[in-house]
Amino acid sequence: MEVKEILCPSCGAHVKIKVGEPVVCEYCNSTLYVEDDNSAASVVDKKRLEELEMRAYQHRQAESEREALIEQSKKWKTLRRIFNIAYCIATFFVFILVNMNYTGAGVMIWLLTIACAITEAIINASRYPLDSNGRNVSGVKTNRGLVGVRILLSAIGWGMIGIVIAAIVSIS
């Protein structure tokens, strides 16, 4: 928050104040408050002061929650990227095994990767970082079921990439 130097409306002393946070004048003990950059300082009573302190506390809590949500989201995205690459590699090997006439092993690995993809979609959708209002980092109201579907579609897409790479490798 921006720090401003103002004149105390009660005694005229120079007082440094953070916009949006109450401060007590060290000369006359008046509690002063500046709402925003364009407003003048005003003396506040005890009830208004409690209200302002509560609003400042809620603002700090919301900021703290948002920072934690951003951190959780970064970790979640990193885990998703790791899984997508692993799924791509697994489908690559499935395609190679099937092409080398190890169809049984290829099908078993393929079924295992599909089961892992479905399980991963369910687990990660339940751990998708949302704030207390059910919104994601971008502030969009999010449905965890749709997140699971999106994760599963992403896994299928990465699996297709693995198959394409395997096809290119097997052609050469």
Protein backbone atom coordinates (compact mmCIF):
# COMPACT_ATOMS: atom_id res chain seq x y z
CA MET A 1 0.00 0.00 0.00
CA GLU A 2 1.08 3.52 -0.71
CA VAL A 3 2.35 5.69 2.15
CA LYS A 4 1.18 9.32 2.08
CA GLU A 5 2.09 12.30 4.20
CA ILE A 6 -1.00 14.24 5.24
CA LEU A 7 -1.98 17.00 7.60
CA CYS A 8 -3.95 15.88 10.65
CA PRO A 9 -7.43 17.46 10.42
CA SER A 10 -7.47 17.89 14.23
CA CYS A 11 -4.10 19.50 14.98
CA GLY A 12 -2.43 20.18 11.60
CA ALA A 13 0.61 17.98 12.27
CA HIS A 14 2.33 16.11 9.44
CA VAL A 15 1.44 12.41 9.68
CA LYS A 16 2.58 9.50 7.49
CA ILE A 17 -0.28 7.12 6.73
CA LYS A 18 -0.82 4.03 4.61
CA VAL A 19 -3.82 4.35 2.34
CA GLY A 20 -6.59 2.09 3.61
CA GLU A 21 -5.15 1.59 7.12
CA PRO A 22 -5.97 3.69 10.20
CA VAL A 23 -3.18 5.48 12.06
CA VAL A 24 -3.07 7.45 15.31
CA CYS A 25 -1.67 11.01 15.20
CA GLU A 26 1.29 11.08 17.60
CA TYR A 27 0.54 14.69 18.58
CA CYS A 28 -3.20 14.76 19.34
CA ASN A 29 -4.03 11.00 19.48
CA SER A 30 -6.76 11.32 16.84
CA THR A 31 -7.33 8.21 14.77
CA LEU A 32 -6.96 9.11 11.10
CA TYR A 33 -7.94 7.22 7.97
CA VAL A 34 -7.52 7.77 4.23
CA GLU A 35 -9.96 5.70 2.14
CA ASP A 36 -8.06 5.92 -1.17
CA ASP A 37 -5.49 8.05 -3.00
CA ASN A 38 -8.04 10.72 -3.94
CA SER A 39 -9.73 11.17 -0.57
CA ALA A 40 -8.70 13.44 2.27
CA ALA A 41 -7.82 12.23 5.74
CA SER A 42 -10.66 11.99 8.19
CA VAL A 43 -10.88 11.48 11.93
CA VAL A 44 -12.73 8.26 12.72
CA ASP A 45 -14.66 7.19 15.78
CA LYS A 46 -14.17 3.88 17.60
CA LYS A 47 -17.00 2.03 15.81
CA ARG A 48 -15.76 3.13 12.38
CA LEU A 49 -12.20 2.21 13.39
CA GLU A 50 -13.27 -1.33 14.32
CA GLU A 51 -15.06 -1.62 10.99
CA LEU A 52 -11.97 -0.40 9.10
CA GLU A 53 -9.67 -2.74 11.01
CA MET A 54 -11.99 -5.67 10.24
CA ARG A 55 -12.01 -4.74 6.55
CA ALA A 56 -8.19 -4.50 6.54
CA TYR A 57 -7.98 -7.90 8.29
CA GLN A 58 -10.35 -9.47 5.76
CA HIS A 59 -8.33 -7.98 2.92
CA ARG A 60 -5.08 -9.43 4.34
CA GLN A 61 -6.78 -12.82 4.80
CA ALA A 62 -8.04 -12.79 1.21
CA GLU A 63 -4.57 -11.89 -0.07
CA SER A 64 -3.02 -14.66 2.01
CA GLU A 65 -5.56 -17.18 0.72
CA ARG A 66 -4.94 -16.08 -2.88
CA GLU A 67 -1.15 -16.45 -2.48
CA ALA A 68 -1.61 -19.95 -1.03
CA LEU A 69 -3.97 -20.82 -3.89
CA ILE A 70 -1.43 -19.65 -6.45
CA GLU A 71 1.27 -21.77 -4.80
CA GLN A 72 -1.01 -24.84 -4.70
CA SER A 73 -1.92 -24.27 -8.33
CA LYS A 74 1.75 -24.20 -9.38
CA LYS A 75 2.39 -27.51 -7.59
CA TRP A 76 -0.74 -29.03 -9.09
CA LYS A 77 0.24 -27.99 -12.63
CA THR A 78 3.75 -29.41 -12.17
CA LEU A 79 2.32 -32.78 -11.10
CA ARG A 80 -0.07 -32.71 -14.07
CA ARG A 81 2.82 -32.08 -16.48
CA ILE A 82 4.79 -34.98 -14.99
CA PHE A 83 1.80 -37.29 -15.35
CA ASN A 84 1.14 -36.19 -18.94
CA ILE A 85 4.75 -36.89 -19.94
CA ALA A 86 4.63 -40.28 -18.17
CA TYR A 87 1.40 -41.13 -19.98
CA CYS A 88 2.96 -40.12 -23.30
CA ILE A 89 5.98 -42.39 -22.62
CA ALA A 90 3.73 -45.29 -21.54
CA THR A 91 1.64 -45.12 -24.72
CA PHE A 92 4.85 -44.87 -26.75
CA PHE A 93 6.00 -48.19 -25.29
CA VAL A 94 2.57 -49.76 -25.79
CA PHE A 95 2.69 -48.91 -29.48
CA ILE A 96 6.27 -50.21 -29.82
CA LEU A 97 5.41 -53.48 -28.01
CA VAL A 98 2.34 -54.06 -30.18
CA ASN A 99 4.39 -53.39 -33.33
CA MET A 100 7.02 -55.88 -32.16
CA ASN A 101 4.27 -58.54 -31.86
CA TYR A 102 4.20 -58.41 -28.06
CA THR A 103 0.50 -57.72 -28.27
CA GLY A 104 -0.37 -59.27 -24.90
CA ALA A 105 2.17 -57.17 -23.01
CA GLY A 106 1.24 -54.07 -25.01
CA VAL A 107 -2.46 -54.49 -24.26
CA MET A 108 -1.76 -55.06 -20.57
CA ILE A 109 0.37 -51.92 -20.35
CA TRP A 110 -2.25 -50.01 -22.32
CA LEU A 111 -5.03 -51.12 -19.95
CA LEU A 112 -2.85 -50.23 -16.97
CA THR A 113 -2.16 -46.74 -18.35
CA ILE A 114 -5.89 -46.20 -19.03
CA ALA A 115 -6.71 -47.26 -15.46
CA CYS A 116 -3.99 -44.92 -14.17
CA ALA A 117 -5.31 -42.06 -16.30
CA ILE A 118 -8.85 -42.49 -14.96
CA THR A 119 -7.63 -42.80 -11.36
CA GLU A 120 -5.33 -39.81 -11.77
CA ALA A 121 -8.20 -37.74 -13.23
CA ILE A 122 -10.42 -38.53 -10.25
CA ILE A 123 -7.73 -37.89 -7.64
CA ASN A 124 -6.38 -34.70 -9.21
CA ALA A 125 -9.85 -33.30 -9.78
CA SER A 126 -10.54 -33.73 -6.07
CA ARG A 127 -7.28 -31.94 -5.25
CA TYR A 128 -7.74 -29.12 -7.77
CA PRO A 129 -6.90 -25.91 -5.87
CA LEU A 130 -9.99 -23.77 -5.24
CA ASP A 131 -10.57 -20.95 -2.81
CA SER A 132 -13.30 -20.99 -0.16
CA ASN A 133 -15.83 -19.73 -2.74
CA GLY A 134 -15.10 -22.53 -5.22
CA ARG A 135 -13.10 -20.30 -7.58
CA ASN A 136 -9.78 -21.13 -9.20
CA VAL A 137 -6.71 -18.88 -9.39
CA SER A 138 -8.28 -16.90 -12.25
CA GLY A 139 -11.35 -16.21 -10.12
CA VAL A 140 -13.60 -18.47 -12.23
CA LYS A 141 -16.24 -20.61 -10.47
CA THR A 142 -15.10 -24.15 -11.19
CA ASN A 143 -16.79 -27.56 -11.15
CA ARG A 144 -14.46 -30.37 -10.04
CA GLY A 145 -16.29 -32.89 -12.26
CA LEU A 146 -15.47 -30.85 -15.35
CA VAL A 147 -11.88 -30.57 -14.15
CA GLY A 148 -11.73 -34.39 -14.04
CA VAL A 149 -13.08 -34.64 -17.59
CA ARG A 150 -10.53 -32.05 -18.75
CA ILE A 151 -7.71 -34.01 -17.07
CA LEU A 152 -8.83 -37.24 -18.74
CA LEU A 153 -9.04 -35.56 -22.16
CA SER A 154 -5.58 -34.13 -21.60
CA ALA A 155 -4.23 -37.59 -20.76
CA ILE A 156 -5.81 -38.98 -23.95
CA GLY A 157 -4.22 -36.16 -25.94
CA TRP A 158 -0.80 -36.87 -24.46
CA GLY A 159 -1.34 -40.57 -25.17
CA MET A 160 -1.99 -39.70 -28.81
CA ILE A 161 1.27 -37.75 -28.87
CA GLY A 162 3.04 -40.85 -27.56
CA ILE A 163 1.47 -42.97 -30.30
CA VAL A 164 2.45 -40.48 -33.01
CA ILE A 165 6.04 -40.39 -31.76
CA ALA A 166 6.12 -44.20 -31.64
CA ALA A 167 4.72 -44.41 -35.17
CA ILE A 168 7.40 -42.03 -36.43
CA VAL A 169 10.13 -44.01 -34.65
CA SER A 170 8.83 -47.35 -35.97
CA ILE A 171 8.67 -46.04 -39.56
CA SER A 172 12.30 -44.95 -39.52
